[in-house]
């Protein structure tokens, strides 16, 4: 371990830089398009154009799982940076403007002459469930060269998004980031992102969780997929032995925070569910922002629940209310 200076950032997110297009849709529309409700599918240019043309009126905004976490953490007062690849195009400018306007340091150079900026076509059914169709575009170009070791070392926690396991170069970037962080005595957090994503890369995820991850975020479906079990208690017993700290979100049942043989059950914050997009991202943001302030584990979980409840109470994955006021209430 090196004697690194005190961190300048509380959190550095690394993930897919995506512009979200959200629209309401009925269950029949999803079935007609062959979509698995509640999941995330990777799509090509042709599918992106076909679905976009068939969707109802959409709301555009910057998204991406880790980027959402960064924006919410910044809203809670954390010092935050983000690394992710956009193209030098209009949507790339939208993304860069939005994340910097949210108070997030965004130093990654845009891709010129390659694929366009990524977009995620999100269909929200009347029950608030979101079904995502992601065209990765310029994200696929993100690789080890985009991971600035100086940026990683400047952050107390480097937060990695599981979706970034889909592009192969990005996996190498993950390992570069985690090794730089650990060499400087910093922590590495991982969010599993999506049970289908875990299924696509299970062996790689299992290796990364066991050998590189200090703090793990997952929902019930993701942790069960990771350990190939349908027994939540068995999955939690396993994760205790592999990471220092894990926060498992359980929808309306709140969340469970575990560290070694200790655990904290955290209640969900009641809210009217409008759109579940970004719920897990916001939970991780609240948790990590509280952790950066040295709050107790139960309070970290409460901040996560408050942030998640705010984000699912409206359309879109970025906060609209004053989160500092909400966690202080």
C-alpha atoms as a PDB file:
ATOM      1  CA  UNK A   1       0.000   0.000   0.000  1.00  0.00           C
ATOM      2  CA  UNK A   2       1.270   3.464  -0.877  1.00  0.00           C
ATOM      3  CA  UNK A   3       0.969   6.592   1.241  1.00  0.00           C
ATOM      4  CA  UNK A   4      -1.616   8.282  -0.976  1.00  0.00           C
ATOM      5  CA  UNK A   5      -2.702  11.827  -0.067  1.00  0.00           C
ATOM      6  CA  UNK A   6      -6.189  12.326   1.417  1.00  0.00           C
ATOM      7  CA  UNK A   7      -8.847  11.754  -1.265  1.00  0.00           C
ATOM      8  CA  UNK A   8     -10.130  14.786  -3.195  1.00  0.00           C
ATOM      9  CA  UNK A   9     -13.286  12.913  -4.213  1.00  0.00           C
ATOM     10  CA  UNK A  10     -15.633  10.822  -2.082  1.00  0.00           C
ATOM     11  CA  UNK A  11     -16.723   8.810  -5.101  1.00  0.00           C
ATOM     12  CA  UNK A  12     -15.534   8.125  -8.660  1.00  0.00           C
ATOM     13  CA  UNK A  13     -18.093   6.328 -10.806  1.00  0.00           C
ATOM     14  CA  UNK A  14     -17.065   4.328 -13.874  1.00  0.00           C
ATOM     15  CA  UNK A  15     -19.826   3.219 -16.209  1.00  0.00           C
ATOM     16  CA  UNK A  16     -21.756   3.559 -19.430  1.00  0.00           C
ATOM     17  CA  UNK A  17     -22.469   7.166 -20.459  1.00  0.00           C
ATOM     18  CA  UNK A  18     -25.986   6.868 -21.827  1.00  0.00           C
ATOM     19  CA  UNK A  19     -28.779   9.243 -22.765  1.00  0.00           C
ATOM     20  CA  UNK A  20     -32.125   7.848 -21.597  1.00  0.00           C
ATOM     21  CA  UNK A  21     -35.315   8.184 -23.622  1.00  0.00           C
ATOM     22  CA  UNK A  22     -38.300   7.369 -21.376  1.00  0.00           C
ATOM     23  CA  UNK A  23     -41.856   6.771 -22.580  1.00  0.00           C
ATOM     24  CA  UNK A  24     -44.989   5.202 -21.165  1.00  0.00           C
ATOM     25  CA  UNK A  25     -46.131   1.902 -22.698  1.00  0.00           C
ATOM     26  CA  UNK A  26     -48.748  -0.781 -22.136  1.00  0.00           C
ATOM     27  CA  UNK A  27     -47.818  -4.420 -21.450  1.00  0.00           C
ATOM     28  CA  UNK A  28     -49.139  -5.309 -24.924  1.00  0.00           C
ATOM     29  CA  UNK A  29     -46.552  -3.059 -26.556  1.00  0.00           C
ATOM     30  CA  UNK A  30     -43.720  -4.910 -24.770  1.00  0.00           C
ATOM     31  CA  UNK A  31     -45.150  -8.280 -25.825  1.00  0.00           C
ATOM     32  CA  UNK A  32     -45.551  -7.078 -29.410  1.00  0.00           C
ATOM     33  CA  UNK A  33     -41.889  -6.029 -29.481  1.00  0.00           C
ATOM     34  CA  UNK A  34     -40.737  -9.314 -27.873  1.00  0.00           C
ATOM     35  CA  UNK A  35     -39.370  -7.593 -24.752  1.00  0.00           C
ATOM     36  CA  UNK A  36     -38.803  -9.265 -21.363  1.00  0.00           C
ATOM     37  CA  UNK A  37     -40.628  -6.967 -18.947  1.00  0.00           C
ATOM     38  CA  UNK A  38     -38.423  -5.456 -16.237  1.00  0.00           C
ATOM     39  CA  UNK A  39     -35.133  -6.420 -17.859  1.00  0.00           C
ATOM     40  CA  UNK A  40     -32.422  -4.769 -19.944  1.00  0.00           C
ATOM     41  CA  UNK A  41     -31.684  -5.970 -23.479  1.00  0.00           C
ATOM     42  CA  UNK A  42     -28.726  -4.911 -25.611  1.00  0.00           C
ATOM     43  CA  UNK A  43     -29.889  -3.830 -29.061  1.00  0.00           C
ATOM     44  CA  UNK A  44     -28.238  -2.906 -32.360  1.00  0.00           C
ATOM     45  CA  UNK A  45     -28.707   0.230 -34.456  1.00  0.00           C
ATOM     46  CA  UNK A  46     -31.606  -1.243 -36.462  1.00  0.00           C
ATOM     47  CA  UNK A  47     -33.527  -2.282 -33.335  1.00  0.00           C
ATOM     48  CA  UNK A  48     -32.850   1.095 -31.710  1.00  0.00           C
ATOM     49  CA  UNK A  49     -34.359   2.864 -34.718  1.00  0.00           C
ATOM     50  CA  UNK A  50     -37.345   0.485 -34.898  1.00  0.00           C
ATOM     51  CA  UNK A  51     -38.230   0.761 -31.186  1.00  0.00           C
ATOM     52  CA  UNK A  52     -37.681   4.531 -31.123  1.00  0.00           C
ATOM     53  CA  UNK A  53     -40.049   4.950 -34.073  1.00  0.00           C
ATOM     54  CA  UNK A  54     -42.732   2.800 -32.392  1.00  0.00           C
ATOM     55  CA  UNK A  55     -42.476   4.405 -28.908  1.00  0.00           C
ATOM     56  CA  UNK A  56     -44.805   7.092 -27.682  1.00  0.00           C
ATOM     57  CA  UNK A  57     -43.572  10.616 -26.841  1.00  0.00           C
ATOM     58  CA  UNK A  58     -40.340  10.396 -24.866  1.00  0.00           C
ATOM     59  CA  UNK A  59     -38.496  12.395 -22.228  1.00  0.00           C
ATOM     60  CA  UNK A  60     -34.729  12.606 -22.844  1.00  0.00           C
ATOM     61  CA  UNK A  61     -32.152  12.937 -20.088  1.00  0.00           C
ATOM     62  CA  UNK A  62     -28.686  11.771 -19.160  1.00  0.00           C
ATOM     63  CA  UNK A  63     -28.608   8.296 -17.688  1.00  0.00           C
ATOM     64  CA  UNK A  64     -26.459   5.245 -17.238  1.00  0.00           C
ATOM     65  CA  UNK A  65     -26.433   3.383 -13.935  1.00  0.00           C
ATOM     66  CA  UNK A  66     -23.181   4.682 -12.388  1.00  0.00           C
ATOM     67  CA  UNK A  67     -23.772   8.165 -13.827  1.00  0.00           C
ATOM     68  CA  UNK A  68     -27.172   8.253 -12.099  1.00  0.00           C
ATOM     69  CA  UNK A  69     -25.499   7.224  -8.838  1.00  0.00           C
ATOM     70  CA  UNK A  70     -22.939   9.997  -9.252  1.00  0.00           C
ATOM     71  CA  UNK A  71     -25.600  12.659  -9.883  1.00  0.00           C
ATOM     72  CA  UNK A  72     -27.646  11.604  -6.833  1.00  0.00           C
ATOM     73  CA  UNK A  73     -24.555  11.429  -4.583  1.00  0.00           C
ATOM     74  CA  UNK A  74     -23.548  14.933  -5.713  1.00  0.00           C
ATOM     75  CA  UNK A  75     -27.066  16.155  -4.841  1.00  0.00           C
ATOM     76  CA  UNK A  76     -26.437  14.810  -1.327  1.00  0.00           C
ATOM     77  CA  UNK A  77     -23.231  16.831  -1.005  1.00  0.00           C
ATOM     78  CA  UNK A  78     -20.661  14.193  -1.934  1.00  0.00           C
ATOM     79  CA  UNK A  79     -17.596  15.144  -4.003  1.00  0.00           C
ATOM     80  CA  UNK A  80     -18.020  13.086  -7.152  1.00  0.00           C
ATOM     81  CA  UNK A  81     -16.349  12.297 -10.483  1.00  0.00           C
ATOM     82  CA  UNK A  82     -17.416  10.073 -13.391  1.00  0.00           C
ATOM     83  CA  UNK A  83     -15.549   8.284 -16.187  1.00  0.00           C
ATOM     84  CA  UNK A  84     -17.558   7.128 -19.216  1.00  0.00           C
ATOM     85  CA  UNK A  85     -17.417   7.413 -23.012  1.00  0.00           C
ATOM     86  CA  UNK A  86     -19.658   9.584 -25.162  1.00  0.00           C
ATOM     87  CA  UNK A  87     -19.226  10.509 -28.835  1.00  0.00           C
ATOM     88  CA  UNK A  88     -18.487  14.004 -30.120  1.00  0.00           C
ATOM     89  CA  UNK A  89     -22.135  14.444 -31.153  1.00  0.00           C
ATOM     90  CA  UNK A  90     -25.305  16.197 -29.962  1.00  0.00           C
ATOM     91  CA  UNK A  91     -26.324  13.502 -27.468  1.00  0.00           C
ATOM     92  CA  UNK A  92     -22.739  13.450 -26.177  1.00  0.00           C
ATOM     93  CA  UNK A  93     -22.981  17.185 -25.503  1.00  0.00           C
ATOM     94  CA  UNK A  94     -26.335  16.655 -23.722  1.00  0.00           C
ATOM     95  CA  UNK A  95     -24.780  14.005 -21.484  1.00  0.00           C
ATOM     96  CA  UNK A  96     -21.672  16.062 -20.675  1.00  0.00           C
ATOM     97  CA  UNK A  97     -23.706  19.170 -19.900  1.00  0.00           C
ATOM     98  CA  UNK A  98     -26.177  17.312 -17.661  1.00  0.00           C
ATOM     99  CA  UNK A  99     -23.636  15.454 -15.546  1.00  0.00           C
ATOM    100  CA  UNK A 100     -21.466  18.517 -15.019  1.00  0.00           C
ATOM    101  CA  UNK A 101     -24.546  20.623 -14.205  1.00  0.00           C
ATOM    102  CA  UNK A 102     -25.309  17.999 -11.505  1.00  0.00           C
ATOM    103  CA  UNK A 103     -21.955  18.857  -9.899  1.00  0.00           C
ATOM    104  CA  UNK A 104     -20.008  15.853 -11.183  1.00  0.00           C
ATOM    105  CA  UNK A 105     -16.399  16.123 -12.462  1.00  0.00           C
ATOM    106  CA  UNK A 106     -16.370  14.506 -15.963  1.00  0.00           C
ATOM    107  CA  UNK A 107     -12.874  14.386 -17.521  1.00  0.00           C
ATOM    108  CA  UNK A 108     -13.250  11.585 -20.143  1.00  0.00           C
ATOM    109  CA  UNK A 109     -12.423  12.706 -23.702  1.00  0.00           C
ATOM    110  CA  UNK A 110     -15.223  12.070 -26.237  1.00  0.00           C
ATOM    111  CA  UNK A 111     -14.866   9.523 -29.042  1.00  0.00           C
ATOM    112  CA  UNK A 112     -14.465  11.109 -32.456  1.00  0.00           C
ATOM    113  CA  UNK A 113     -15.225   9.361 -35.725  1.00  0.00           C
ATOM    114  CA  UNK A 114     -16.646   6.198 -34.172  1.00  0.00           C
ATOM    115  CA  UNK A 115     -20.030   5.009 -32.936  1.00  0.00           C
ATOM    116  CA  UNK A 116     -22.604   7.583 -31.744  1.00  0.00           C
ATOM    117  CA  UNK A 117     -23.386   8.291 -28.085  1.00  0.00           C
ATOM    118  CA  UNK A 118     -25.226   5.430 -26.370  1.00  0.00           C
ATOM    119  CA  UNK A 119     -28.933   5.637 -25.705  1.00  0.00           C
ATOM    120  CA  UNK A 120     -31.349   3.583 -23.639  1.00  0.00           C
ATOM    121  CA  UNK A 121     -34.980   3.335 -24.741  1.00  0.00           C
ATOM    122  CA  UNK A 122     -36.936   2.861 -21.500  1.00  0.00           C
ATOM    123  CA  UNK A 123     -40.592   1.830 -21.534  1.00  0.00           C
ATOM    124  CA  UNK A 124     -42.495   2.357 -18.294  1.00  0.00           C
ATOM    125  CA  UNK A 125     -45.669   0.304 -17.847  1.00  0.00           C
ATOM    126  CA  UNK A 126     -48.626   1.491 -15.725  1.00  0.00           C
ATOM    127  CA  UNK A 127     -47.319  -0.502 -12.706  1.00  0.00           C
ATOM    128  CA  UNK A 128     -44.117   1.609 -12.710  1.00  0.00           C
ATOM    129  CA  UNK A 129     -41.882  -1.213 -14.013  1.00  0.00           C
ATOM    130  CA  UNK A 130     -39.193  -0.134 -16.454  1.00  0.00           C
ATOM    131  CA  UNK A 131     -38.046  -2.237 -19.400  1.00  0.00           C
ATOM    132  CA  UNK A 132     -34.794  -1.089 -20.987  1.00  0.00           C
ATOM    133  CA  UNK A 133     -33.400  -1.455 -24.492  1.00  0.00           C
ATOM    134  CA  UNK A 134     -29.810  -0.275 -24.657  1.00  0.00           C
ATOM    135  CA  UNK A 135     -27.775   0.650 -27.718  1.00  0.00           C
ATOM    136  CA  UNK A 136     -24.226   0.890 -26.325  1.00  0.00           C
ATOM    137  CA  UNK A 137     -22.738   2.965 -29.149  1.00  0.00           C
ATOM    138  CA  UNK A 138     -19.634   4.850 -28.027  1.00  0.00           C
ATOM    139  CA  UNK A 139     -19.611   3.052 -24.635  1.00  0.00           C
ATOM    140  CA  UNK A 140     -18.050   0.024 -26.339  1.00  0.00           C
ATOM    141  CA  UNK A 141     -14.926   2.125 -26.981  1.00  0.00           C
ATOM    142  CA  UNK A 142     -14.322   2.642 -23.236  1.00  0.00           C
ATOM    143  CA  UNK A 143     -11.165   0.788 -22.257  1.00  0.00           C
ATOM    144  CA  UNK A 144      -8.150   0.811 -19.952  1.00  0.00           C
ATOM    145  CA  UNK A 145      -6.739   3.954 -21.591  1.00  0.00           C
ATOM    146  CA  UNK A 146      -9.818   5.852 -20.376  1.00  0.00           C
ATOM    147  CA  UNK A 147      -9.086   4.930 -16.753  1.00  0.00           C
ATOM    148  CA  UNK A 148      -6.893   7.660 -15.332  1.00  0.00           C
ATOM    149  CA  UNK A 149      -5.053   6.160 -12.376  1.00  0.00           C
ATOM    150  CA  UNK A 150      -4.671   9.676 -10.951  1.00  0.00           C
ATOM    151  CA  UNK A 151      -8.476  10.080 -10.973  1.00  0.00           C
ATOM    152  CA  UNK A 152      -8.933   6.670  -9.301  1.00  0.00           C
ATOM    153  CA  UNK A 153      -6.349   7.416  -6.611  1.00  0.00           C
ATOM    154  CA  UNK A 154      -8.028  10.802  -5.956  1.00  0.00           C
ATOM    155  CA  UNK A 155     -11.261   9.058  -4.833  1.00  0.00           C
ATOM    156  CA  UNK A 156     -12.008   7.329  -1.522  1.00  0.00           C
ATOM    157  CA  UNK A 157     -14.313   4.861  -3.332  1.00  0.00           C
ATOM    158  CA  UNK A 158     -14.286   3.840  -7.000  1.00  0.00           C
ATOM    159  CA  UNK A 159     -17.785   2.682  -7.958  1.00  0.00           C
ATOM    160  CA  UNK A 160     -18.098   0.291 -10.892  1.00  0.00           C
ATOM    161  CA  UNK A 161     -21.242  -0.482 -12.852  1.00  0.00           C
ATOM    162  CA  UNK A 162     -21.944  -4.130 -13.706  1.00  0.00           C
ATOM    163  CA  UNK A 163     -23.408  -3.219 -17.095  1.00  0.00           C
ATOM    164  CA  UNK A 164     -19.894  -2.214 -18.156  1.00  0.00           C
ATOM    165  CA  UNK A 165     -19.008  -5.932 -18.183  1.00  0.00           C
ATOM    166  CA  UNK A 166     -20.818  -6.207 -21.536  1.00  0.00           C
ATOM    167  CA  UNK A 167     -18.143  -4.440 -23.680  1.00  0.00           C
ATOM    168  CA  UNK A 168     -14.925  -6.556 -23.470  1.00  0.00           C
ATOM    169  CA  UNK A 169     -12.450  -3.666 -23.282  1.00  0.00           C
ATOM    170  CA  UNK A 170     -14.298  -2.264 -20.297  1.00  0.00           C
ATOM    171  CA  UNK A 171     -13.661  -5.411 -18.272  1.00  0.00           C
ATOM    172  CA  UNK A 172      -9.934  -4.737 -18.570  1.00  0.00           C
ATOM    173  CA  UNK A 173     -10.640  -1.160 -17.472  1.00  0.00           C
ATOM    174  CA  UNK A 174     -12.387  -2.508 -14.343  1.00  0.00           C
ATOM    175  CA  UNK A 175      -9.315  -4.454 -13.287  1.00  0.00           C
ATOM    176  CA  UNK A 176      -7.023  -1.504 -13.978  1.00  0.00           C
ATOM    177  CA  UNK A 177      -9.244   0.719 -11.813  1.00  0.00           C
ATOM    178  CA  UNK A 178      -9.570  -1.757  -8.943  1.00  0.00           C
ATOM    179  CA  UNK A 179      -5.851  -2.444  -8.813  1.00  0.00           C
ATOM    180  CA  UNK A 180      -4.980   1.265  -8.854  1.00  0.00           C
ATOM    181  CA  UNK A 181      -7.534   1.887  -6.090  1.00  0.00           C
ATOM    182  CA  UNK A 182      -6.277  -0.926  -3.871  1.00  0.00           C
ATOM    183  CA  UNK A 183      -2.614   0.002  -4.414  1.00  0.00           C
ATOM    184  CA  UNK A 184      -3.479   3.438  -2.993  1.00  0.00           C
ATOM    185  CA  UNK A 185      -5.439   2.001  -0.055  1.00  0.00           C
ATOM    186  CA  UNK A 186      -8.797   3.044  -1.537  1.00  0.00           C
ATOM    187  CA  UNK A 187     -12.010   1.008  -1.730  1.00  0.00           C
ATOM    188  CA  UNK A 188     -13.788  -0.524  -4.718  1.00  0.00           C
ATOM    189  CA  UNK A 189     -17.583  -0.733  -4.883  1.00  0.00           C
ATOM    190  CA  UNK A 190     -19.501  -2.745  -7.487  1.00  0.00           C
ATOM    191  CA  UNK A 191     -23.166  -2.748  -8.419  1.00  0.00           C
ATOM    192  CA  UNK A 192     -24.381  -5.914 -10.134  1.00  0.00           C
ATOM    193  CA  UNK A 193     -26.803  -3.820 -12.252  1.00  0.00           C
ATOM    194  CA  UNK A 194     -29.116  -6.502 -13.655  1.00  0.00           C
ATOM    195  CA  UNK A 195     -29.715 -10.255 -13.187  1.00  0.00           C
ATOM    196  CA  UNK A 196     -29.495 -10.857 -16.961  1.00  0.00           C
ATOM    197  CA  UNK A 197     -26.138  -9.034 -17.029  1.00  0.00           C
ATOM    198  CA  UNK A 198     -24.923 -11.270 -14.178  1.00  0.00           C
ATOM    199  CA  UNK A 199     -26.116 -14.314 -16.126  1.00  0.00           C
ATOM    200  CA  UNK A 200     -24.140 -13.254 -19.197  1.00  0.00           C
ATOM    201  CA  UNK A 201     -20.864 -12.891 -17.267  1.00  0.00           C
ATOM    202  CA  UNK A 202     -21.357 -14.963 -14.105  1.00  0.00           C
ATOM    203  CA  UNK A 203     -17.870 -16.454 -13.780  1.00  0.00           C
ATOM    204  CA  UNK A 204     -16.223 -13.062 -14.353  1.00  0.00           C
ATOM    205  CA  UNK A 205     -18.540 -11.412 -11.826  1.00  0.00           C
ATOM    206  CA  UNK A 206     -17.905 -14.119  -9.230  1.00  0.00           C
ATOM    207  CA  UNK A 207     -14.150 -13.613  -9.641  1.00  0.00           C
ATOM    208  CA  UNK A 208     -14.416  -9.825  -9.464  1.00  0.00           C
ATOM    209  CA  UNK A 209     -16.669  -9.856  -6.392  1.00  0.00           C
ATOM    210  CA  UNK A 210     -14.471 -12.301  -4.498  1.00  0.00           C
ATOM    211  CA  UNK A 211     -11.083 -10.827  -5.406  1.00  0.00           C
ATOM    212  CA  UNK A 212     -11.567  -7.131  -6.211  1.00  0.00           C
ATOM    213  CA  UNK A 213     -14.710  -5.831  -4.475  1.00  0.00           C
ATOM    214  CA  UNK A 214     -14.915  -4.222  -1.023  1.00  0.00           C
ATOM    215  CA  UNK A 215     -18.528  -2.956  -1.166  1.00  0.00           C
ATOM    216  CA  UNK A 216     -21.241  -4.766  -3.152  1.00  0.00           C
ATOM    217  CA  UNK A 217     -24.671  -3.443  -4.139  1.00  0.00           C
ATOM    218  CA  UNK A 218     -27.286  -5.846  -5.494  1.00  0.00           C
ATOM    219  CA  UNK A 219     -31.005  -6.476  -5.483  1.00  0.00           C
ATOM    220  CA  UNK A 220     -32.505  -9.839  -4.582  1.00  0.00           C
ATOM    221  CA  UNK A 221     -32.662 -11.158  -8.175  1.00  0.00           C
ATOM    222  CA  UNK A 222     -29.056 -10.127  -8.851  1.00  0.00           C
ATOM    223  CA  UNK A 223     -27.532 -11.723  -5.755  1.00  0.00           C
ATOM    224  CA  UNK A 224     -29.462 -14.953  -6.378  1.00  0.00           C
ATOM    225  CA  UNK A 225     -28.198 -14.984  -9.978  1.00  0.00           C
ATOM    226  CA  UNK A 226     -24.608 -14.312  -8.856  1.00  0.00           C
ATOM    227  CA  UNK A 227     -24.544 -17.348  -6.568  1.00  0.00           C
ATOM    228  CA  UNK A 228     -26.898 -19.514  -8.676  1.00  0.00           C
ATOM    229  CA  UNK A 229     -29.359 -20.151  -5.865  1.00  0.00           C
ATOM    230  CA  UNK A 230     -33.012 -19.431  -5.122  1.00  0.00           C
ATOM    231  CA  UNK A 231     -32.294 -19.185  -1.373  1.00  0.00           C
ATOM    232  CA  UNK A 232     -31.667 -15.593  -0.294  1.00  0.00           C
ATOM    233  CA  UNK A 233     -30.271 -16.627   3.100  1.00  0.00           C
ATOM    234  CA  UNK A 234     -27.692 -18.847   1.376  1.00  0.00           C
ATOM    235  CA  UNK A 235     -26.680 -16.031  -0.985  1.00  0.00           C
ATOM    236  CA  UNK A 236     -26.271 -13.609   1.931  1.00  0.00           C
ATOM    237  CA  UNK A 237     -24.221 -16.154   3.898  1.00  0.00           C
ATOM    238  CA  UNK A 238     -21.920 -16.474   0.859  1.00  0.00           C
ATOM    239  CA  UNK A 239     -21.543 -12.738   0.228  1.00  0.00           C
ATOM    240  CA  UNK A 240     -20.535 -12.164   3.879  1.00  0.00           C
ATOM    241  CA  UNK A 241     -17.432 -14.268   3.256  1.00  0.00           C
ATOM    242  CA  UNK A 242     -16.451 -12.469   0.035  1.00  0.00           C
ATOM    243  CA  UNK A 243     -16.826  -8.708   0.570  1.00  0.00           C
ATOM    244  CA  UNK A 244     -16.342  -6.377   3.531  1.00  0.00           C
ATOM    245  CA  UNK A 245     -19.733  -4.738   3.099  1.00  0.00           C
ATOM    246  CA  UNK A 246     -22.848  -5.598   1.084  1.00  0.00           C
ATOM    247  CA  UNK A 247     -26.155  -3.795   0.704  1.00  0.00           C
ATOM    248  CA  UNK A 248     -28.972  -5.918  -0.716  1.00  0.00           C
ATOM    249  CA  UNK A 249     -32.116  -4.047  -1.763  1.00  0.00           C
ATOM    250  CA  UNK A 250     -35.407  -5.915  -1.332  1.00  0.00           C
ATOM    251  CA  UNK A 251     -37.946  -3.591  -3.052  1.00  0.00           C
ATOM    252  CA  UNK A 252     -40.811  -2.701  -0.714  1.00  0.00           C
ATOM    253  CA  UNK A 253     -39.204  -4.799   2.059  1.00  0.00           C
ATOM    254  CA  UNK A 254     -36.370  -2.244   2.293  1.00  0.00           C
ATOM    255  CA  UNK A 255     -32.765  -3.414   2.348  1.00  0.00           C
ATOM    256  CA  UNK A 256     -30.324  -5.566   4.263  1.00  0.00           C
ATOM    257  CA  UNK A 257     -26.814  -4.320   5.010  1.00  0.00           C
ATOM    258  CA  UNK A 258     -24.251  -6.955   6.021  1.00  0.00           C
ATOM    259  CA  UNK A 259     -20.645  -6.670   7.180  1.00  0.00           C
ATOM    260  CA  UNK A 260     -19.000  -9.805   8.502  1.00  0.00           C
ATOM    261  CA  UNK A 261     -21.326 -11.300  11.116  1.00  0.00           C
ATOM    262  CA  UNK A 262     -23.228  -8.039  11.609  1.00  0.00           C
ATOM    263  CA  UNK A 263     -26.405  -7.036   9.789  1.00  0.00           C
ATOM    264  CA  UNK A 264     -28.803  -4.109   9.690  1.00  0.00           C
ATOM    265  CA  UNK A 265     -32.344  -4.243   8.349  1.00  0.00           C
ATOM    266  CA  UNK A 266     -33.443  -0.959   6.801  1.00  0.00           C
ATOM    267  CA  UNK A 267     -37.083  -0.107   6.103  1.00  0.00           C
ATOM    268  CA  UNK A 268     -38.198   1.172   2.712  1.00  0.00           C
ATOM    269  CA  UNK A 269     -39.483   4.754   2.629  1.00  0.00           C
ATOM    270  CA  UNK A 270     -43.155   4.734   1.557  1.00  0.00           C
ATOM    271  CA  UNK A 271     -43.792   6.515  -1.736  1.00  0.00           C
ATOM    272  CA  UNK A 272     -46.075   6.510  -4.761  1.00  0.00           C
ATOM    273  CA  UNK A 273     -44.249   4.456  -7.406  1.00  0.00           C
ATOM    274  CA  UNK A 274     -44.331   6.189 -10.797  1.00  0.00           C
ATOM    275  CA  UNK A 275     -41.194   4.818 -12.466  1.00  0.00           C
ATOM    276  CA  UNK A 276     -38.664   2.389 -10.939  1.00  0.00           C
ATOM    277  CA  UNK A 277     -35.840   3.524 -13.287  1.00  0.00           C
ATOM    278  CA  UNK A 278     -32.749   4.291 -11.235  1.00  0.00           C
ATOM    279  CA  UNK A 279     -34.023   3.028  -7.868  1.00  0.00           C
ATOM    280  CA  UNK A 280     -30.941   0.897  -7.198  1.00  0.00           C
ATOM    281  CA  UNK A 281     -28.644   3.617  -8.530  1.00  0.00           C
ATOM    282  CA  UNK A 282     -30.161   6.147  -6.112  1.00  0.00           C
ATOM    283  CA  UNK A 283     -29.967   3.718  -3.180  1.00  0.00           C
ATOM    284  CA  UNK A 284     -26.239   3.200  -3.783  1.00  0.00           C
ATOM    285  CA  UNK A 285     -25.752   6.976  -4.030  1.00  0.00           C
ATOM    286  CA  UNK A 286     -27.483   7.672  -0.740  1.00  0.00           C
ATOM    287  CA  UNK A 287     -25.601   4.863   0.962  1.00  0.00           C
ATOM    288  CA  UNK A 288     -22.182   5.979  -0.293  1.00  0.00           C
ATOM    289  CA  UNK A 289     -22.827   9.685   0.381  1.00  0.00           C
ATOM    290  CA  UNK A 290     -23.674   8.839   4.011  1.00  0.00           C
ATOM    291  CA  UNK A 291     -20.691   6.484   4.259  1.00  0.00           C
ATOM    292  CA  UNK A 292     -18.409   9.321   3.072  1.00  0.00           C
ATOM    293  CA  UNK A 293     -19.661  11.369   6.027  1.00  0.00           C
ATOM    294  CA  UNK A 294     -18.872   8.540   8.457  1.00  0.00           C
ATOM    295  CA  UNK A 295     -22.526   7.766   9.239  1.00  0.00           C
ATOM    296  CA  UNK A 296     -23.451   4.474  10.963  1.00  0.00           C
ATOM    297  CA  UNK A 297     -24.489   1.592   8.693  1.00  0.00           C
ATOM    298  CA  UNK A 298     -28.208   1.815   9.487  1.00  0.00           C
ATOM    299  CA  UNK A 299     -28.134   5.525   8.629  1.00  0.00           C
ATOM    300  CA  UNK A 300     -26.292   4.802   5.355  1.00  0.00           C
ATOM    301  CA  UNK A 301     -29.105   2.430   4.472  1.00  0.00           C
ATOM    302  CA  UNK A 302     -31.727   5.018   5.437  1.00  0.00           C
ATOM    303  CA  UNK A 303     -30.126   7.626   3.157  1.00  0.00           C
ATOM    304  CA  UNK A 304     -30.232   5.004   0.385  1.00  0.00           C
ATOM    305  CA  UNK A 305     -33.923   4.340   1.004  1.00  0.00           C
ATOM    306  CA  UNK A 306     -34.758   8.064   1.036  1.00  0.00           C
ATOM    307  CA  UNK A 307     -32.921   8.674  -2.240  1.00  0.00           C
ATOM    308  CA  UNK A 308     -34.508   5.640  -3.930  1.00  0.00           C
ATOM    309  CA  UNK A 309     -38.001   6.673  -2.791  1.00  0.00           C
ATOM    310  CA  UNK A 310     -37.536  10.159  -4.250  1.00  0.00           C
ATOM    311  CA  UNK A 311     -36.321   8.874  -7.624  1.00  0.00           C
ATOM    312  CA  UNK A 312     -39.144   6.333  -8.117  1.00  0.00           C
ATOM    313  CA  UNK A 313     -41.814   8.939  -7.255  1.00  0.00           C
ATOM    314  CA  UNK A 314     -41.439  10.631 -10.674  1.00  0.00           C
ATOM    315  CA  UNK A 315     -40.402   9.959 -14.276  1.00  0.00           C
ATOM    316  CA  UNK A 316     -36.633   9.738 -14.795  1.00  0.00           C
ATOM    317  CA  UNK A 317     -33.642   8.600 -12.753  1.00  0.00           C
ATOM    318  CA  UNK A 318     -32.245  11.938 -11.540  1.00  0.00           C
ATOM    319  CA  UNK A 319     -33.552  13.619  -8.348  1.00  0.00           C
ATOM    320  CA  UNK A 320     -36.100  16.434  -8.562  1.00  0.00           C
ATOM    321  CA  UNK A 321     -36.539  17.244  -4.861  1.00  0.00           C
ATOM    322  CA  UNK A 322     -33.974  18.569  -2.363  1.00  0.00           C
ATOM    323  CA  UNK A 323     -32.369  15.322  -1.201  1.00  0.00           C
ATOM    324  CA  UNK A 324     -30.329  17.006   1.538  1.00  0.00           C
ATOM    325  CA  UNK A 325     -33.572  18.256   3.090  1.00  0.00           C
ATOM    326  CA  UNK A 326     -35.199  14.821   2.729  1.00  0.00           C
ATOM    327  CA  UNK A 327     -32.389  12.929   4.502  1.00  0.00           C
ATOM    328  CA  UNK A 328     -32.331  15.569   7.244  1.00  0.00           C
ATOM    329  CA  UNK A 329     -36.088  15.260   7.882  1.00  0.00           C
END
